[in-house]
């Protein structure tokens, strides 16, 4: 078990969407580690949620913009003293490769999944509580019961691969953003902390690291100019209360 927990708060809509997609992709991966009816259902639910995210906006264009922004920022470091040029060139090549893969994707992200009648039927019923049970979707029930474990897993992997290009782009973007800033120690005053931000260097992501043994968690809220942190006691049977102690914690403001 890790000795700490990291809490993250995105400060713009693009990174907020990236984090949600990262969460959903991780759920697909976790569901595929075991091959059963319930885990196959979990994987398909997550894939359909991913598909819904891509229908809300032109997310492909947003991902391309983010890659181009990161490439521009990293390219500006080429002549900075002390920079590992070989590592930088390798990173830029990987970003260029991800960018090319997105440009080569001519159809809408997940289009094959949208056109799949089997998945469309599940999507239609998923908005109803319990709507994907056996009597509502007998074809789904048949697939779960009749198809071999190996075939079901292969089909789910094939569907998830429809998002491979965008997933790779999101993964490297979030990795670069997270690694762009180190954790530094700060202190709350009676569980409260406020931090001003440089609007000329927009912060993408706030990260807070707390000990695994801590009996409190952070509530983070913020915008372009500042953010606040409130450390809250956790009690599942009571409304959370802000702690009264002065607590040291680790903070990273990711600017890249």
Protein backbone atom coordinates (compact mmCIF):
# COMPACT_ATOMS: atom_id res chain seq x y z
CA UNK A 1 0.00 0.00 0.00
CA UNK A 2 1.25 3.49 -0.86
CA UNK A 3 2.28 5.71 2.05
CA UNK A 4 0.40 8.71 0.65
CA UNK A 5 -2.70 9.71 -1.31
CA UNK A 6 -2.64 12.29 -4.11
CA UNK A 7 -5.71 14.47 -4.67
CA UNK A 8 -6.03 16.40 -7.94
CA UNK A 9 -8.09 19.39 -9.02
CA UNK A 10 -8.13 20.54 -12.68
CA UNK A 11 -8.36 24.27 -13.31
CA UNK A 12 -9.78 24.21 -16.84
CA UNK A 13 -12.36 22.22 -18.77
CA UNK A 14 -9.86 20.49 -21.06
CA UNK A 15 -7.88 18.93 -18.21
CA UNK A 16 -11.10 18.13 -16.38
CA UNK A 17 -12.23 16.07 -19.38
CA UNK A 18 -8.82 14.41 -19.72
CA UNK A 19 -8.92 13.27 -16.09
CA UNK A 20 -12.42 11.85 -16.50
CA UNK A 21 -11.34 9.92 -19.58
CA UNK A 22 -8.23 8.65 -17.79
CA UNK A 23 -10.50 7.40 -14.99
CA UNK A 24 -12.80 5.63 -17.46
CA UNK A 25 -9.93 4.04 -19.40
CA UNK A 26 -8.55 2.77 -16.09
CA UNK A 27 -11.94 1.24 -15.28
CA UNK A 28 -11.89 -0.64 -18.58
CA UNK A 29 -8.39 -1.95 -17.81
CA UNK A 30 -9.41 -3.05 -14.32
CA UNK A 31 -12.55 -4.77 -15.61
CA UNK A 32 -10.55 -6.72 -18.18
CA UNK A 33 -8.17 -8.11 -15.56
CA UNK A 34 -10.91 -10.59 -14.65
CA UNK A 35 -13.18 -12.19 -17.21
CA UNK A 36 -16.71 -12.62 -15.86
CA UNK A 37 -20.22 -11.43 -16.62
CA UNK A 38 -20.03 -8.63 -14.06
CA UNK A 39 -16.59 -7.38 -15.16
CA UNK A 40 -17.60 -7.53 -18.83
CA UNK A 41 -20.63 -5.40 -17.96
CA UNK A 42 -18.36 -2.94 -16.12
CA UNK A 43 -16.03 -2.71 -19.13
CA UNK A 44 -18.88 -2.03 -21.56
CA UNK A 45 -20.46 0.52 -19.22
CA UNK A 46 -17.14 2.39 -19.08
CA UNK A 47 -16.67 2.20 -22.87
CA UNK A 48 -20.14 3.63 -23.43
CA UNK A 49 -19.40 6.42 -20.94
CA UNK A 50 -16.21 7.19 -22.89
CA UNK A 51 -18.25 7.32 -26.07
CA UNK A 52 -20.68 9.76 -24.43
CA UNK A 53 -17.81 12.07 -23.46
CA UNK A 54 -16.68 12.27 -27.09
CA UNK A 55 -20.19 13.22 -28.22
CA UNK A 56 -20.40 16.32 -26.03
CA UNK A 57 -17.83 18.41 -27.90
CA UNK A 58 -15.14 18.35 -30.57
CA UNK A 59 -12.78 16.66 -28.16
CA UNK A 60 -10.42 15.44 -30.88
CA UNK A 61 -9.65 19.07 -31.75
CA UNK A 62 -9.08 19.85 -28.05
CA UNK A 63 -6.61 16.97 -27.73
CA UNK A 64 -4.75 18.14 -30.85
CA UNK A 65 -4.56 21.67 -29.41
CA UNK A 66 -3.14 20.32 -26.15
CA UNK A 67 -0.46 18.32 -27.95
CA UNK A 68 0.48 21.34 -30.07
CA UNK A 69 0.68 23.49 -26.92
CA UNK A 70 2.97 20.98 -25.19
CA UNK A 71 5.18 20.66 -28.29
CA UNK A 72 5.54 24.46 -28.47
CA UNK A 73 6.42 24.70 -24.76
CA UNK A 74 8.99 21.92 -24.97
CA UNK A 75 10.50 23.20 -28.21
CA UNK A 76 11.16 26.51 -26.45
CA UNK A 77 13.43 24.62 -24.01
CA UNK A 78 15.79 23.30 -26.70
CA UNK A 79 18.43 25.99 -26.14
CA UNK A 80 18.05 26.23 -22.37
CA UNK A 81 21.31 25.44 -20.54
CA UNK A 82 21.31 22.13 -18.69
CA UNK A 83 18.47 20.57 -20.69
CA UNK A 84 18.96 16.92 -21.67
CA UNK A 85 18.65 17.40 -25.42
CA UNK A 86 18.49 13.70 -26.23
CA UNK A 87 15.62 13.14 -23.78
CA UNK A 88 13.86 16.27 -25.05
CA UNK A 89 14.15 15.13 -28.67
CA UNK A 90 12.78 11.71 -27.75
CA UNK A 91 9.83 13.31 -25.96
CA UNK A 92 9.10 15.66 -28.86
CA UNK A 93 9.23 12.71 -31.27
CA UNK A 94 6.69 10.83 -29.14
CA UNK A 95 4.39 13.86 -29.08
CA UNK A 96 4.73 14.26 -32.86
CA UNK A 97 3.87 10.60 -33.30
CA UNK A 98 0.73 10.98 -31.19
CA UNK A 99 -0.23 14.10 -33.11
CA UNK A 100 0.22 12.34 -36.46
CA UNK A 101 -1.92 9.40 -35.27
CA UNK A 102 -4.77 11.78 -34.41
CA UNK A 103 -4.52 13.58 -37.76
CA UNK A 104 -4.63 10.22 -39.56
CA UNK A 105 -7.88 9.34 -37.78
CA UNK A 106 -10.35 10.64 -40.34
CA UNK A 107 -13.62 9.39 -38.86
CA UNK A 108 -15.14 10.62 -35.61
CA UNK A 109 -13.63 9.04 -32.48
CA UNK A 110 -15.58 5.88 -31.66
CA UNK A 111 -17.66 5.99 -34.84
CA UNK A 112 -17.58 2.20 -35.26
CA UNK A 113 -19.01 1.80 -31.77
CA UNK A 114 -21.82 4.24 -32.51
CA UNK A 115 -22.77 2.21 -35.58
CA UNK A 116 -22.77 -1.11 -33.71
CA UNK A 117 -26.43 -2.14 -33.23
CA UNK A 118 -25.58 -4.40 -30.29
CA UNK A 119 -23.89 -1.59 -28.36
CA UNK A 120 -26.54 0.91 -29.45
CA UNK A 121 -29.23 -1.22 -27.79
CA UNK A 122 -27.25 -1.28 -24.53
CA UNK A 123 -26.76 2.51 -24.69
CA UNK A 124 -30.48 3.06 -25.17
CA UNK A 125 -31.33 1.09 -22.03
CA UNK A 126 -28.42 2.30 -19.87
CA UNK A 127 -30.19 5.56 -18.98
CA UNK A 128 -32.90 3.54 -17.20
CA UNK A 129 -32.14 2.24 -13.70
CA UNK A 130 -31.63 -1.51 -14.12
CA UNK A 131 -32.44 -1.13 -17.82
CA UNK A 132 -29.76 -3.56 -18.97
CA UNK A 133 -31.09 -6.54 -17.02
CA UNK A 134 -31.75 -9.85 -18.76
CA UNK A 135 -35.40 -9.39 -19.79
CA UNK A 136 -34.74 -5.87 -21.16
CA UNK A 137 -31.84 -6.96 -23.34
CA UNK A 138 -32.05 -10.67 -24.16
CA UNK A 139 -29.34 -10.30 -26.85
CA UNK A 140 -26.97 -8.90 -24.20
CA UNK A 141 -27.87 -11.78 -21.88
CA UNK A 142 -27.20 -14.25 -24.71
CA UNK A 143 -23.80 -12.69 -25.44
CA UNK A 144 -22.77 -12.79 -21.78
CA UNK A 145 -23.93 -16.38 -21.26
CA UNK A 146 -23.27 -18.03 -24.62
CA UNK A 147 -20.07 -16.42 -25.91
CA UNK A 148 -16.77 -17.80 -24.59
CA UNK A 149 -14.75 -15.75 -22.11
CA UNK A 150 -11.93 -15.39 -24.63
CA UNK A 151 -14.25 -14.15 -27.39
CA UNK A 152 -15.96 -11.61 -25.13
CA UNK A 153 -12.64 -10.26 -23.93
CA UNK A 154 -11.32 -10.07 -27.50
CA UNK A 155 -14.41 -8.13 -28.60
CA UNK A 156 -14.13 -5.68 -25.69
CA UNK A 157 -10.43 -5.13 -26.42
CA UNK A 158 -11.26 -4.48 -30.07
CA UNK A 159 -13.88 -1.90 -29.06
CA UNK A 160 -11.51 -0.23 -26.59
CA UNK A 161 -8.81 0.00 -29.28
CA UNK A 162 -11.07 2.44 -31.11
CA UNK A 163 -9.79 4.98 -28.57
CA UNK A 164 -6.10 3.97 -28.62
CA UNK A 165 -4.83 7.10 -30.40
CA UNK A 166 -6.66 9.55 -28.15
CA UNK A 167 -5.80 7.56 -25.05
CA UNK A 168 -2.09 7.67 -25.87
CA UNK A 169 -2.32 11.43 -26.43
CA UNK A 170 -4.17 12.02 -23.16
CA UNK A 171 -1.78 9.77 -21.21
CA UNK A 172 1.34 11.59 -22.35
CA UNK A 173 -0.29 15.01 -21.89
CA UNK A 174 -1.25 14.27 -18.29
CA UNK A 175 2.15 12.74 -17.58
CA UNK A 176 3.95 15.86 -18.80
CA UNK A 177 1.63 18.16 -16.87
CA UNK A 178 2.02 16.18 -13.64
CA UNK A 179 5.79 15.97 -14.00
CA UNK A 180 6.16 19.68 -14.76
CA UNK A 181 6.19 20.68 -11.09
CA UNK A 182 7.59 19.21 -7.89
CA UNK A 183 5.78 18.93 -4.58
CA UNK A 184 6.62 21.63 -2.03
CA UNK A 185 5.57 21.84 1.61
CA UNK A 186 2.97 24.37 2.75
CA UNK A 187 0.89 24.79 5.88
CA UNK A 188 -2.79 25.40 6.52
CA UNK A 189 -4.13 27.81 9.11
CA UNK A 190 -6.83 25.95 11.05
CA UNK A 191 -7.26 23.66 8.07
CA UNK A 192 -7.44 26.49 5.48
CA UNK A 193 -4.94 27.52 2.82
CA UNK A 194 -5.15 30.07 -0.02
CA UNK A 195 -2.69 30.35 -2.89
CA UNK A 196 -2.37 33.06 -5.56
CA UNK A 197 -1.59 32.07 -9.15
CA UNK A 198 0.30 33.80 -11.95
CA UNK A 199 -2.29 34.47 -14.67
CA UNK A 200 0.54 34.84 -17.22
CA UNK A 201 1.44 31.19 -16.67
CA UNK A 202 -1.90 29.39 -16.42
CA UNK A 203 -1.91 26.51 -13.95
CA UNK A 204 -3.42 23.36 -15.42
CA UNK A 205 -3.68 21.12 -12.38
CA UNK A 206 -3.45 21.30 -8.58
CA UNK A 207 -2.05 18.22 -6.81
CA UNK A 208 -2.02 17.68 -3.05
CA UNK A 209 -0.20 14.82 -1.34
CA UNK A 210 -1.34 13.69 2.10
CA UNK A 211 -0.22 10.76 4.29
CA UNK A 212 -2.14 7.53 3.84
CA UNK A 213 -2.81 7.57 7.59
CA UNK A 214 -4.35 11.08 7.61
CA UNK A 215 -7.93 11.21 8.91
CA UNK A 216 -8.77 14.19 6.66
CA UNK A 217 -9.00 15.01 2.95
CA UNK A 218 -8.76 18.26 0.93
CA UNK A 219 -11.58 20.16 -0.70
CA UNK A 220 -9.98 22.24 -3.47
CA UNK A 221 -11.66 25.07 -5.36
CA UNK A 222 -10.09 27.61 -7.63
CA UNK A 223 -9.88 29.57 -10.82
CA UNK A 224 -7.40 31.49 -12.94
CA UNK A 225 -6.08 33.78 -10.18
CA UNK A 226 -6.17 31.75 -6.96
CA UNK A 227 -7.30 28.56 -5.29
CA UNK A 228 -8.17 27.48 -1.78
CA UNK A 229 -7.73 24.25 0.15
CA UNK A 230 -9.84 23.16 3.10
CA UNK A 231 -8.81 20.05 5.00
CA UNK A 232 -11.93 18.22 6.08
CA UNK A 233 -12.39 15.52 8.70
CA UNK A 234 -13.93 12.37 7.28
CA UNK A 235 -16.81 10.72 9.11
CA UNK A 236 -19.16 8.61 7.04
CA UNK A 237 -22.02 9.20 9.47
CA UNK A 238 -21.67 12.99 9.85
CA UNK A 239 -21.38 16.08 7.71
CA UNK A 240 -17.66 16.87 7.07
CA UNK A 241 -16.13 19.57 9.24
CA UNK A 242 -13.01 21.62 8.54
CA UNK A 243 -10.19 20.60 10.86
CA UNK A 244 -9.01 23.15 13.42
CA UNK A 245 -5.30 22.27 13.45
CA UNK A 246 -2.47 23.80 11.42
CA UNK A 247 -1.36 21.01 9.08
CA UNK A 248 1.65 20.75 6.79
CA UNK A 249 0.94 19.26 3.38
CA UNK A 250 2.64 18.81 0.01
CA UNK A 251 1.43 20.86 -2.96
CA UNK A 252 2.25 20.87 -6.66
CA UNK A 253 0.93 23.54 -9.07
CA UNK A 254 1.36 22.10 -12.56
CA UNK A 255 1.86 24.90 -15.09
CA UNK A 256 3.03 23.19 -18.30
